[in-house]
C-alpha atoms as a PDB file:
ATOM      1  CA  MET A   1      93.063  25.360  62.093  1.00  0.00           C
ATOM      2  CA  GLU A   2      93.162  21.569  62.320  1.00  0.00           C
ATOM      3  CA  HIS A   3      90.237  21.594  64.759  1.00  0.00           C
ATOM      4  CA  PHE A   4      88.096  23.426  62.189  1.00  0.00           C
ATOM      5  CA  ARG A   5      89.226  21.561  59.066  1.00  0.00           C
ATOM      6  CA  PHE A   6      86.243  19.203  58.937  1.00  0.00           C
ATOM      7  CA  SER A   7      83.806  22.056  59.591  1.00  0.00           C
ATOM      8  CA  LEU A   8      85.309  24.053  56.718  1.00  0.00           C
ATOM      9  CA  ILE A   9      85.021  21.064  54.371  1.00  0.00           C
ATOM     10  CA  PHE A  10      81.467  20.428  55.540  1.00  0.00           C
ATOM     11  CA  SER A  11      80.631  24.108  55.011  1.00  0.00           C
ATOM     12  CA  ALA A  12      81.999  24.102  51.459  1.00  0.00           C
ATOM     13  CA  VAL A  13      79.953  21.027  50.545  1.00  0.00           C
ATOM     14  CA  ALA A  14      76.839  22.351  52.293  1.00  0.00           C
ATOM     15  CA  LEU A  15      77.067  25.755  50.601  1.00  0.00           C
ATOM     16  CA  ALA A  16      77.514  24.025  47.245  1.00  0.00           C
ATOM     17  CA  CYS A  17      74.291  22.126  47.974  1.00  0.00           C
ATOM     18  CA  ALA A  18      72.563  25.409  48.849  1.00  0.00           C
ATOM     19  CA  GLY A  19      73.789  26.872  45.561  1.00  0.00           C
ATOM     20  CA  TRP A  20      72.585  23.864  43.605  1.00  0.00           C
ATOM     21  CA  TRP A  21      69.208  24.034  45.361  1.00  0.00           C
ATOM     22  CA  GLY A  22      68.829  27.680  44.428  1.00  0.00           C
ATOM     23  CA  TYR A  23      70.101  27.210  40.873  1.00  0.00           C
ATOM     24  CA  SER A  24      67.691  24.351  40.204  1.00  0.00           C
ATOM     25  CA  SER A  25      64.819  26.510  41.413  1.00  0.00           C
ATOM     26  CA  GLY A  26      65.626  29.877  39.863  1.00  0.00           C
ATOM     27  CA  GLY A  27      69.028  30.133  38.223  1.00  0.00           C
ATOM     28  CA  VAL A  28      72.271  31.847  39.222  1.00  0.00           C
ATOM     29  CA  ALA A  29      70.698  34.797  41.055  1.00  0.00           C
ATOM     30  CA  LEU A  30      68.677  32.545  43.351  1.00  0.00           C
ATOM     31  CA  ALA A  31      71.697  30.276  43.870  1.00  0.00           C
ATOM     32  CA  LEU A  32      73.786  33.202  45.144  1.00  0.00           C
ATOM     33  CA  SER A  33      70.899  34.319  47.335  1.00  0.00           C
ATOM     34  CA  MET A  34      70.586  30.850  48.881  1.00  0.00           C
ATOM     35  CA  ILE A  35      74.316  30.707  49.610  1.00  0.00           C
ATOM     36  CA  TRP A  36      74.190  34.143  51.252  1.00  0.00           C
ATOM     37  CA  LEU A  37      71.187  33.205  53.401  1.00  0.00           C
ATOM     38  CA  ALA A  38      72.868  29.955  54.467  1.00  0.00           C
ATOM     39  CA  LEU A  39      75.952  31.927  55.550  1.00  0.00           C
ATOM     40  CA  ILE A  40      73.817  34.349  57.576  1.00  0.00           C
ATOM     41  CA  LEU A  41      72.063  31.461  59.306  1.00  0.00           C
ATOM     42  CA  ALA A  42      75.381  29.739  60.013  1.00  0.00           C
ATOM     43  CA  VAL A  43      76.798  32.867  61.686  1.00  0.00           C
ATOM     44  CA  MET A  44      73.577  33.339  63.666  1.00  0.00           C
ATOM     45  CA  GLU A  45      73.609  29.738  64.886  1.00  0.00           C
ATOM     46  CA  ALA A  46      77.288  29.826  65.852  1.00  0.00           C
ATOM     47  CA  SER A  47      76.890  33.106  67.781  1.00  0.00           C
ATOM     48  CA  LEU A  48      73.755  31.914  69.578  1.00  0.00           C
ATOM     49  CA  SER A  49      75.374  28.597  70.534  1.00  0.00           C
ATOM     50  CA  PHE A  50      78.886  29.656  71.547  1.00  0.00           C
ATOM     51  CA  ASP A  51      77.926  29.422  75.209  1.00  0.00           C
ATOM     52  CA  ASN A  52      76.619  25.933  74.442  1.00  0.00           C
ATOM     53  CA  ALA A  53      80.107  24.993  73.214  1.00  0.00           C
ATOM     54  CA  VAL A  54      81.659  26.264  76.447  1.00  0.00           C
ATOM     55  CA  VAL A  55      79.247  24.288  78.633  1.00  0.00           C
ATOM     56  CA  ASN A  56      79.677  21.159  76.495  1.00  0.00           C
ATOM     57  CA  ALA A  57      83.458  21.492  76.768  1.00  0.00           C
ATOM     58  CA  SER A  58      83.301  21.917  80.549  1.00  0.00           C
ATOM     59  CA  ILE A  59      81.495  18.573  80.740  1.00  0.00           C
ATOM     60  CA  LEU A  60      83.305  16.659  77.995  1.00  0.00           C
ATOM     61  CA  LYS A  61      86.785  17.443  79.347  1.00  0.00           C
ATOM     62  CA  THR A  62      86.230  14.897  82.148  1.00  0.00           C
ATOM     63  CA  TRP A  63      84.745  12.172  79.935  1.00  0.00           C
ATOM     64  CA  ASP A  64      86.656   9.179  78.653  1.00  0.00           C
ATOM     65  CA  LYS A  65      87.480   8.901  74.964  1.00  0.00           C
ATOM     66  CA  TYR A  66      84.583   6.535  74.132  1.00  0.00           C
ATOM     67  CA  TRP A  67      81.764   8.741  75.422  1.00  0.00           C
ATOM     68  CA  ARG A  68      83.394  11.925  74.157  1.00  0.00           C
ATOM     69  CA  THR A  69      83.739  10.474  70.659  1.00  0.00           C
ATOM     70  CA  LEU A  70      80.178   9.148  70.757  1.00  0.00           C
ATOM     71  CA  PHE A  71      78.754  12.567  71.579  1.00  0.00           C
ATOM     72  CA  LEU A  72      80.880  14.360  68.997  1.00  0.00           C
ATOM     73  CA  THR A  73      79.785  11.930  66.251  1.00  0.00           C
ATOM     74  CA  VAL A  74      76.364  10.422  66.924  1.00  0.00           C
ATOM     75  CA  GLY A  75      75.382  13.379  69.080  1.00  0.00           C
ATOM     76  CA  MET A  76      76.242  15.836  66.327  1.00  0.00           C
ATOM     77  CA  LEU A  77      74.237  13.866  63.766  1.00  0.00           C
ATOM     78  CA  VAL A  78      71.247  14.172  66.091  1.00  0.00           C
ATOM     79  CA  ALA A  79      71.961  17.886  66.565  1.00  0.00           C
ATOM     80  CA  VAL A  80      72.396  18.694  62.867  1.00  0.00           C
ATOM     81  CA  PHE A  81      69.747  16.508  61.283  1.00  0.00           C
ATOM     82  CA  GLY A  82      67.457  15.726  64.190  1.00  0.00           C
ATOM     83  CA  MET A  83      66.979  19.138  65.779  1.00  0.00           C
ATOM     84  CA  ARG A  84      67.518  21.310  62.710  1.00  0.00           C
ATOM     85  CA  LEU A  85      65.396  19.248  60.308  1.00  0.00           C
ATOM     86  CA  LEU A  86      63.333  16.555  62.011  1.00  0.00           C
ATOM     87  CA  PHE A  87      62.254  18.448  65.126  1.00  0.00           C
ATOM     88  CA  PRO A  88      60.359  21.257  63.304  1.00  0.00           C
ATOM     89  CA  ILE A  89      58.663  18.666  61.097  1.00  0.00           C
ATOM     90  CA  VAL A  90      57.591  16.643  64.145  1.00  0.00           C
ATOM     91  CA  ILE A  91      56.106  19.759  65.784  1.00  0.00           C
ATOM     92  CA  VAL A  92      54.053  20.606  62.714  1.00  0.00           C
ATOM     93  CA  ALA A  93      53.014  16.975  62.206  1.00  0.00           C
ATOM     94  CA  GLN A  94      51.764  16.645  65.785  1.00  0.00           C
ATOM     95  CA  THR A  95      49.999  19.984  66.032  1.00  0.00           C
ATOM     96  CA  ALA A  96      48.486  19.981  62.542  1.00  0.00           C
ATOM     97  CA  ASP A  97      47.527  16.282  62.637  1.00  0.00           C
ATOM     98  CA  LEU A  98      49.507  15.536  59.483  1.00  0.00           C
ATOM     99  CA  GLY A  99      51.853  12.735  58.495  1.00  0.00           C
ATOM    100  CA  MET A 100      55.602  13.321  58.435  1.00  0.00           C
ATOM    101  CA  LEU A 101      55.739  12.943  54.653  1.00  0.00           C
ATOM    102  CA  GLU A 102      52.860  15.408  54.253  1.00  0.00           C
ATOM    103  CA  VAL A 103      54.676  17.954  56.394  1.00  0.00           C
ATOM    104  CA  TRP A 104      57.887  17.491  54.393  1.00  0.00           C
ATOM    105  CA  ASN A 105      55.978  18.095  51.168  1.00  0.00           C
ATOM    106  CA  LEU A 106      54.379  21.142  52.761  1.00  0.00           C
ATOM    107  CA  ALA A 107      57.805  22.474  53.790  1.00  0.00           C
ATOM    108  CA  ILE A 108      59.187  22.034  50.268  1.00  0.00           C
ATOM    109  CA  ASN A 109      56.162  23.114  48.235  1.00  0.00           C
ATOM    110  CA  ASN A 110      54.512  25.662  50.524  1.00  0.00           C
ATOM    111  CA  PRO A 111      57.196  26.991  52.937  1.00  0.00           C
ATOM    112  CA  GLN A 112      55.070  29.998  53.900  1.00  0.00           C
ATOM    113  CA  GLU A 113      52.285  27.837  55.337  1.00  0.00           C
ATOM    114  CA  TYR A 114      54.825  25.490  56.937  1.00  0.00           C
ATOM    115  CA  SER A 115      56.491  28.457  58.630  1.00  0.00           C
ATOM    116  CA  LEU A 116      53.164  29.759  59.932  1.00  0.00           C
ATOM    117  CA  LYS A 117      52.260  26.362  61.387  1.00  0.00           C
ATOM    118  CA  LEU A 118      55.628  26.063  63.120  1.00  0.00           C
ATOM    119  CA  THR A 119      55.915  29.605  64.487  1.00  0.00           C
ATOM    120  CA  SER A 120      52.333  29.491  65.745  1.00  0.00           C
ATOM    121  CA  HIS A 121      53.615  27.131  68.455  1.00  0.00           C
ATOM    122  CA  HIS A 122      56.555  29.307  69.419  1.00  0.00           C
ATOM    123  CA  ALA A 123      55.165  29.895  72.927  1.00  0.00           C
ATOM    124  CA  GLU A 124      55.064  26.209  73.848  1.00  0.00           C
ATOM    125  CA  VAL A 125      58.494  25.524  72.377  1.00  0.00           C
ATOM    126  CA  SER A 126      59.966  28.502  74.250  1.00  0.00           C
ATOM    127  CA  ALA A 127      58.381  27.441  77.541  1.00  0.00           C
ATOM    128  CA  PHE A 128      59.814  23.919  77.244  1.00  0.00           C
ATOM    129  CA  GLY A 129      63.310  25.039  76.289  1.00  0.00           C
ATOM    130  CA  SER A 130      63.484  27.897  78.766  1.00  0.00           C
ATOM    131  CA  MET A 131      62.615  25.693  81.744  1.00  0.00           C
ATOM    132  CA  PHE A 132      65.284  23.139  80.884  1.00  0.00           C
ATOM    133  CA  LEU A 133      67.900  25.859  80.382  1.00  0.00           C
ATOM    134  CA  MET A 134      66.836  27.649  83.545  1.00  0.00           C
ATOM    135  CA  LEU A 135      67.428  24.526  85.598  1.00  0.00           C
ATOM    136  CA  VAL A 136      70.865  24.133  84.008  1.00  0.00           C
ATOM    137  CA  PHE A 137      71.675  27.695  85.096  1.00  0.00           C
ATOM    138  CA  LEU A 138      70.102  27.438  88.554  1.00  0.00           C
ATOM    139  CA  ASN A 139      71.854  24.198  89.432  1.00  0.00           C
ATOM    140  CA  PHE A 140      75.145  25.837  88.512  1.00  0.00           C
ATOM    141  CA  LEU A 141      74.404  29.045  90.412  1.00  0.00           C
ATOM    142  CA  LEU A 142      72.860  27.432  93.504  1.00  0.00           C
ATOM    143  CA  ASP A 143      75.725  25.019  94.099  1.00  0.00           C
ATOM    144  CA  GLU A 144      77.065  25.126  97.637  1.00  0.00           C
ATOM    145  CA  GLU A 145      80.143  23.084  96.630  1.00  0.00           C
ATOM    146  CA  LYS A 146      81.284  25.559  93.954  1.00  0.00           C
ATOM    147  CA  GLU A 147      84.591  27.038  95.124  1.00  0.00           C
ATOM    148  CA  LEU A 148      85.174  29.781  92.558  1.00  0.00           C
ATOM    149  CA  HIS A 149      82.634  32.618  92.472  1.00  0.00           C
ATOM    150  CA  TRP A 150      82.570  35.099  89.597  1.00  0.00           C
ATOM    151  CA  LEU A 151      80.319  37.579  91.439  1.00  0.00           C
ATOM    152  CA  GLY A 152      82.155  37.206  94.716  1.00  0.00           C
ATOM    153  CA  VAL A 153      80.118  37.320  97.918  1.00  0.00           C
ATOM    154  CA  ILE A 154      76.793  37.621  96.063  1.00  0.00           C
ATOM    155  CA  GLU A 155      77.348  34.380  94.170  1.00  0.00           C
ATOM    156  CA  GLN A 156      78.733  32.700  97.273  1.00  0.00           C
ATOM    157  CA  LYS A 157      75.589  33.566  99.269  1.00  0.00           C
ATOM    158  CA  LEU A 158      73.354  32.365  96.437  1.00  0.00           C
ATOM    159  CA  GLY A 159      75.302  29.119  96.344  1.00  0.00           C
ATOM    160  CA  LEU A 160      74.395  28.471  99.975  1.00  0.00           C
ATOM    161  CA  LEU A 161      70.746  28.272  98.907  1.00  0.00           C
ATOM    162  CA  GLY A 162      71.693  24.977  97.276  1.00  0.00           C
ATOM    163  CA  LYS A 163      71.424  23.418 100.727  1.00  0.00           C
ATOM    164  CA  ILE A 164      67.646  23.766 100.428  1.00  0.00           C
ATOM    165  CA  ASN A 165      66.130  20.726  98.735  1.00  0.00           C
ATOM    166  CA  ALA A 166      64.426  21.406  95.406  1.00  0.00           C
ATOM    167  CA  ILE A 167      65.207  25.133  95.511  1.00  0.00           C
ATOM    168  CA  SER A 168      65.952  25.130  91.778  1.00  0.00           C
ATOM    169  CA  ILE A 169      62.633  23.456  90.987  1.00  0.00           C
ATOM    170  CA  PHE A 170      60.787  25.974  93.172  1.00  0.00           C
ATOM    171  CA  VAL A 171      62.417  28.943  91.423  1.00  0.00           C
ATOM    172  CA  ALA A 172      61.829  27.484  87.942  1.00  0.00           C
ATOM    173  CA  LEU A 173      58.156  26.763  88.644  1.00  0.00           C
ATOM    174  CA  SER A 174      57.699  30.240  90.142  1.00  0.00           C
ATOM    175  CA  VAL A 175      59.178  31.867  87.034  1.00  0.00           C
ATOM    176  CA  LEU A 176      57.006  29.659  84.811  1.00  0.00           C
ATOM    177  CA  MET A 177      53.847  30.645  86.679  1.00  0.00           C
ATOM    178  CA  ALA A 178      54.815  34.333  86.505  1.00  0.00           C
ATOM    179  CA  SER A 179      55.451  34.043  82.759  1.00  0.00           C
ATOM    180  CA  LEU A 180      51.849  32.950  82.183  1.00  0.00           C
ATOM    181  CA  THR A 181      50.884  36.619  82.518  1.00  0.00           C
ATOM    182  CA  LEU A 182      52.508  37.050  79.092  1.00  0.00           C
ATOM    183  CA  VAL A 183      50.287  34.409  77.505  1.00  0.00           C
ATOM    184  CA  ASP A 184      46.805  34.729  76.066  1.00  0.00           C
ATOM    185  CA  GLU A 185      44.123  33.095  78.188  1.00  0.00           C
ATOM    186  CA  ALA A 186      43.425  30.478  75.526  1.00  0.00           C
ATOM    187  CA  ASN A 187      47.076  29.325  75.431  1.00  0.00           C
ATOM    188  CA  LYS A 188      47.958  29.390  79.122  1.00  0.00           C
ATOM    189  CA  PHE A 189      47.344  25.695  79.710  1.00  0.00           C
ATOM    190  CA  VAL A 190      49.437  24.466  76.758  1.00  0.00           C
ATOM    191  CA  VAL A 191      52.306  26.822  77.678  1.00  0.00           C
ATOM    192  CA  LEU A 192      52.157  25.693  81.315  1.00  0.00           C
ATOM    193  CA  THR A 193      52.151  22.056  80.207  1.00  0.00           C
ATOM    194  CA  ALA A 194      55.118  22.603  77.898  1.00  0.00           C
ATOM    195  CA  GLY A 195      57.084  24.328  80.669  1.00  0.00           C
ATOM    196  CA  ILE A 196      56.358  21.515  83.111  1.00  0.00           C
ATOM    197  CA  TRP A 197      57.510  19.021  80.473  1.00  0.00           C
ATOM    198  CA  GLY A 198      60.793  20.933  80.244  1.00  0.00           C
ATOM    199  CA  ILE A 199      61.249  20.518  83.995  1.00  0.00           C
ATOM    200  CA  LEU A 200      60.238  16.855  83.867  1.00  0.00           C
ATOM    201  CA  VAL A 201      62.700  16.111  81.082  1.00  0.00           C
ATOM    202  CA  TYR A 202      65.506  17.689  83.109  1.00  0.00           C
ATOM    203  CA  LEU A 203      64.497  15.643  86.161  1.00  0.00           C
ATOM    204  CA  GLY A 204      64.120  12.529  84.000  1.00  0.00           C
ATOM    205  CA  VAL A 205      67.690  12.817  82.756  1.00  0.00           C
ATOM    206  CA  ASP A 206      68.781  13.382  86.356  1.00  0.00           C
ATOM    207  CA  LEU A 207      66.895  10.240  87.375  1.00  0.00           C
ATOM    208  CA  ILE A 208      68.559   8.174  84.654  1.00  0.00           C
ATOM    209  CA  GLY A 209      71.913   9.452  85.841  1.00  0.00           C
ATOM    210  CA  GLN A 210      71.179   8.453  89.445  1.00  0.00           C
ATOM    211  CA  ILE A 211      70.059   4.981  88.414  1.00  0.00           C
ATOM    212  CA  LEU A 212      73.245   4.466  86.427  1.00  0.00           C
ATOM    213  CA  GLU A 213      75.555   5.870  89.097  1.00  0.00           C
ATOM    214  CA  THR A 214      77.986   3.457  90.725  1.00  0.00           C
ATOM    215  CA  GLU A 215      77.203   2.337  94.253  1.00  0.00           C
ATOM    216  CA  GLU A 216      80.128   4.203  95.794  1.00  0.00           C
ATOM    217  CA  GLU A 217      78.624   7.563  94.850  1.00  0.00           C
ATOM    218  CA  GLU A 218      77.192   8.911  98.081  1.00  0.00           C
ATOM    219  CA  SER A 219      75.010  11.629  96.570  1.00  0.00           C
ATOM    220  CA  PRO A 220      74.395  11.008  92.892  1.00  0.00           C
ATOM    221  CA  ASP A 221      72.955  13.963  91.050  1.00  0.00           C
ATOM    222  CA  ILE A 222      73.072  15.417  87.587  1.00  0.00           C
ATOM    223  CA  GLY A 223      76.177  17.409  88.482  1.00  0.00           C
ATOM    224  CA  SER A 224      78.244  14.346  89.380  1.00  0.00           C
ATOM    225  CA  MET A 225      76.677  12.184  86.680  1.00  0.00           C
ATOM    226  CA  VAL A 226      77.685  14.375  83.787  1.00  0.00           C
ATOM    227  CA  LYS A 227      81.290  14.584  84.978  1.00  0.00           C
ATOM    228  CA  LYS A 228      81.946  11.111  83.657  1.00  0.00           C
ATOM    229  CA  GLY A 229      80.744   9.650  80.432  1.00  0.00           C
ATOM    230  CA  SER A 230      77.499   7.691  80.651  1.00  0.00           C
ATOM    231  CA  ILE A 231      74.204   7.329  78.826  1.00  0.00           C
ATOM    232  CA  GLY A 232      72.733   9.769  81.342  1.00  0.00           C
ATOM    233  CA  GLY A 233      75.379  12.370  80.595  1.00  0.00           C
ATOM    234  CA  PHE A 234      74.952  11.773  76.866  1.00  0.00           C
ATOM    235  CA  LEU A 235      71.198  12.368  77.114  1.00  0.00           C
ATOM    236  CA  TYR A 236      71.782  15.464  79.250  1.00  0.00           C
ATOM    237  CA  LEU A 237      73.998  17.066  76.596  1.00  0.00           C
ATOM    238  CA  GLU A 238      71.585  16.089  73.815  1.00  0.00           C
ATOM    239  CA  VAL A 239      68.629  17.743  75.540  1.00  0.00           C
ATOM    240  CA  LEU A 240      70.809  20.739  76.414  1.00  0.00           C
ATOM    241  CA  ASP A 241      71.751  21.146  72.744  1.00  0.00           C
ATOM    242  CA  ALA A 242      68.115  20.734  71.754  1.00  0.00           C
ATOM    243  CA  SER A 243      67.084  23.506  74.147  1.00  0.00           C
ATOM    244  CA  PHE A 244      69.710  25.803  72.659  1.00  0.00           C
ATOM    245  CA  SER A 245      68.589  25.020  69.122  1.00  0.00           C
ATOM    246  CA  PHE A 246      64.923  25.958  69.699  1.00  0.00           C
ATOM    247  CA  ASP A 247      65.653  29.658  69.482  1.00  0.00           C
ATOM    248  CA  GLY A 248      67.762  29.289  66.361  1.00  0.00           C
ATOM    249  CA  VAL A 249      65.277  27.084  64.520  1.00  0.00           C
ATOM    250  CA  ILE A 250      62.332  29.367  65.195  1.00  0.00           C
ATOM    251  CA  GLY A 251      64.366  32.501  64.523  1.00  0.00           C
ATOM    252  CA  ALA A 252      65.621  31.138  61.208  1.00  0.00           C
ATOM    253  CA  PHE A 253      62.154  31.500  59.699  1.00  0.00           C
ATOM    254  CA  ALA A 254      62.446  35.265  60.154  1.00  0.00           C
ATOM    255  CA  ILE A 255      65.323  35.151  57.669  1.00  0.00           C
ATOM    256  CA  THR A 256      64.032  32.631  55.144  1.00  0.00           C
ATOM    257  CA  LYS A 257      61.132  30.216  54.796  1.00  0.00           C
ATOM    258  CA  ASP A 258      63.126  27.664  52.768  1.00  0.00           C
ATOM    259  CA  ILE A 259      63.513  24.550  54.941  1.00  0.00           C
ATOM    260  CA  VAL A 260      66.471  23.260  52.924  1.00  0.00           C
ATOM    261  CA  VAL A 261      68.461  26.492  53.334  1.00  0.00           C
ATOM    262  CA  ILE A 262      67.547  26.617  57.026  1.00  0.00           C
ATOM    263  CA  MET A 263      68.828  23.074  57.551  1.00  0.00           C
ATOM    264  CA  ILE A 264      72.047  23.834  55.654  1.00  0.00           C
ATOM    265  CA  GLY A 265      72.734  27.131  57.428  1.00  0.00           C
ATOM    266  CA  LEU A 266      71.982  25.873  60.930  1.00  0.00           C
ATOM    267  CA  GLY A 267      73.870  22.655  60.188  1.00  0.00           C
ATOM    268  CA  ILE A 268      77.004  24.616  59.281  1.00  0.00           C
ATOM    269  CA  GLY A 269      76.675  26.655  62.472  1.00  0.00           C
ATOM    270  CA  ALA A 270      76.233  23.484  64.542  1.00  0.00           C
ATOM    271  CA  MET A 271      79.368  21.960  63.011  1.00  0.00           C
ATOM    272  CA  PHE A 272      81.430  25.003  63.983  1.00  0.00           C
ATOM    273  CA  VAL A 273      80.034  24.788  67.513  1.00  0.00           C
ATOM    274  CA  ARG A 274      81.237  21.156  67.537  1.00  0.00           C
ATOM    275  CA  SER A 275      84.693  22.230  66.370  1.00  0.00           C
ATOM    276  CA  MET A 276      84.819  24.941  69.008  1.00  0.00           C
ATOM    277  CA  THR A 277      83.859  22.369  71.654  1.00  0.00           C
ATOM    278  CA  ILE A 278      86.705  20.074  70.577  1.00  0.00           C
ATOM    279  CA  TYR A 279      89.130  23.003  70.543  1.00  0.00           C
ATOM    280  CA  LEU A 280      88.186  24.082  74.061  1.00  0.00           C
ATOM    281  CA  VAL A 281      88.534  20.520  75.373  1.00  0.00           C
ATOM    282  CA  GLU A 282      91.837  19.625  73.708  1.00  0.00           C
ATOM    283  CA  LYS A 283      93.513  22.977  74.291  1.00  0.00           C
ATOM    284  CA  GLY A 284      92.448  23.094  77.936  1.00  0.00           C
ATOM    285  CA  THR A 285      91.112  26.614  77.417  1.00  0.00           C
ATOM    286  CA  LEU A 286      88.701  26.359  80.329  1.00  0.00           C
ATOM    287  CA  ASP A 287      91.588  25.766  82.723  1.00  0.00           C
ATOM    288  CA  GLY A 288      93.251  28.977  81.577  1.00  0.00           C
ATOM    289  CA  TYR A 289      90.056  31.048  81.663  1.00  0.00           C
ATOM    290  CA  VAL A 290      88.537  30.068  84.987  1.00  0.00           C
ATOM    291  CA  TYR A 291      85.425  32.240  84.673  1.00  0.00           C
ATOM    292  CA  LEU A 292      84.555  31.174  81.119  1.00  0.00           C
ATOM    293  CA  GLU A 293      82.215  28.457  82.370  1.00  0.00           C
ATOM    294  CA  HIS A 294      80.539  31.006  84.639  1.00  0.00           C
ATOM    295  CA  GLY A 295      79.972  33.372  81.725  1.00  0.00           C
ATOM    296  CA  ALA A 296      78.480  30.585  79.644  1.00  0.00           C
ATOM    297  CA  HIS A 297      76.047  29.589  82.385  1.00  0.00           C
ATOM    298  CA  TYR A 298      74.980  33.194  82.950  1.00  0.00           C
ATOM    299  CA  ALA A 299      74.398  33.407  79.190  1.00  0.00           C
ATOM    300  CA  ILE A 300      72.222  30.290  79.505  1.00  0.00           C
ATOM    301  CA  GLY A 301      70.236  31.953  82.287  1.00  0.00           C
ATOM    302  CA  ALA A 302      69.791  35.058  80.142  1.00  0.00           C
ATOM    303  CA  LEU A 303      68.692  32.936  77.171  1.00  0.00           C
ATOM    304  CA  SER A 304      66.091  31.135  79.287  1.00  0.00           C
ATOM    305  CA  LEU A 305      64.550  34.471  80.336  1.00  0.00           C
ATOM    306  CA  ILE A 306      64.690  35.814  76.772  1.00  0.00           C
ATOM    307  CA  MET A 307      62.860  32.729  75.528  1.00  0.00           C
ATOM    308  CA  LEU A 308      60.092  33.358  78.049  1.00  0.00           C
ATOM    309  CA  LEU A 309      59.850  37.047  77.134  1.00  0.00           C
ATOM    310  CA  SER A 310      59.713  36.117  73.446  1.00  0.00           C
ATOM    311  CA  ILE A 311      56.339  34.501  74.118  1.00  0.00           C
ATOM    312  CA  LYS A 312      54.874  38.007  74.006  1.00  0.00           C
ATOM    313  CA  PHE A 313      57.623  40.309  72.733  1.00  0.00           C
ATOM    314  CA  HIS A 314      59.680  40.050  69.585  1.00  0.00           C
ATOM    315  CA  ILE A 315      63.350  39.943  70.532  1.00  0.00           C
ATOM    316  CA  PRO A 316      65.743  39.969  67.550  1.00  0.00           C
ATOM    317  CA  GLU A 317      68.147  37.037  67.398  1.00  0.00           C
ATOM    318  CA  VAL A 318      71.047  39.480  67.199  1.00  0.00           C
ATOM    319  CA  VAL A 319      70.164  40.742  70.690  1.00  0.00           C
ATOM    320  CA  THR A 320      70.170  37.197  72.072  1.00  0.00           C
ATOM    321  CA  GLY A 321      73.497  36.439  70.445  1.00  0.00           C
ATOM    322  CA  LEU A 322      75.104  39.688  71.609  1.00  0.00           C
ATOM    323  CA  ILE A 323      74.041  39.169  75.226  1.00  0.00           C
ATOM    324  CA  GLY A 324      75.720  35.759  75.245  1.00  0.00           C
ATOM    325  CA  ILE A 325      78.869  37.053  73.548  1.00  0.00           C
ATOM    326  CA  VAL A 326      79.127  40.035  75.917  1.00  0.00           C
ATOM    327  CA  LEU A 327      78.758  37.849  79.021  1.00  0.00           C
ATOM    328  CA  ILE A 328      81.382  35.419  77.765  1.00  0.00           C
ATOM    329  CA  ALA A 329      83.714  38.273  76.779  1.00  0.00           C
ATOM    330  CA  ILE A 330      83.418  39.764  80.279  1.00  0.00           C
ATOM    331  CA  SER A 331      84.114  36.350  81.810  1.00  0.00           C
ATOM    332  CA  VAL A 332      87.273  36.044  79.684  1.00  0.00           C
ATOM    333  CA  TRP A 333      88.386  39.511  80.815  1.00  0.00           C
ATOM    334  CA  SER A 334      87.686  38.564  84.443  1.00  0.00           C
ATOM    335  CA  SER A 335      89.697  35.368  83.974  1.00  0.00           C
ATOM    336  CA  VAL A 336      92.691  37.309  82.648  1.00  0.00           C
ATOM    337  CA  LYS A 337      92.530  39.645  85.644  1.00  0.00           C
ATOM    338  CA  TYR A 338      92.254  36.645  87.978  1.00  0.00           C
ATOM    339  CA  ASN A 339      95.292  34.967  86.424  1.00  0.00           C
ATOM    340  CA  LYS A 340      97.373  38.140  86.802  1.00  0.00           C
ATOM    341  CA  PHE A 341      96.274  38.479  90.436  1.00  0.00           C
ATOM    342  CA  ILE A 342      97.224  34.958  91.477  1.00  0.00           C
ATOM    343  CA  LYS A 343     100.594  35.282  89.743  1.00  0.00           C
END
């Protein structure tokens, strides 16, 4: 429980704020409603981002104390307040040609209109996030140096494709071009641009990592860069968390239009994801469940495809969360079987 103590304290304070917000707006009944909605959002965020915690833990376990602490403090502030509050406001401000303060007032005083302005750009946001996540998945899957293969020979053969330069970029761009068939003619260019930006951001973080790599590294890439704490690795995890949060932020408006409750609920969920990350790192859980990282990356791949499909089709958040949980559960079961076999 010690790993979750701060999250529980944070949750109690945050839910009290949600209750106060509701009470000041409409009395006890609205206060209870706000608390309930915040709890629903917190559970949704935690379930959607559990695979994010696993991937974060797989990277953070090799970092030194300084960079690990920096990500779990400053990085979490960016995740909770930046992505869950500031990011939606920035999107609306840029697309609606409004000032940040105007958008904040719109979110507080006219949440319905604010929600419409934000969700109207769901396609672009999904294209950006899905491309970044897809490259995370592809560079894990198409890794010729990976020794442990969850899917056996199939995964081993796919890993050999990693010998081909830029294979991940080719696959990601091909999927992006194919996904344009889901987009209205008028929006194809902006969706394509957003998807390309997702790829460029991934490559940009990779580039920063290569620049900052020590000279003795023979083949610096994003895989080796994130294994040790650095500004490149820090940025990689921040963008990864941002890509995960897109789905939750947009989906939250299907539950409530109140920006304050959304921030509180998603913030609580993000804090529990942080606690889970710390738990996995300090308890060495990933070493005991060897396929857990595989399950998390396959969940990332599934999420990237779901985000693309959501451009045209409505996919309930519960479906997204369940797919991730099921894949991780199967990977845990596979890990248990593996451990019994080697013993």
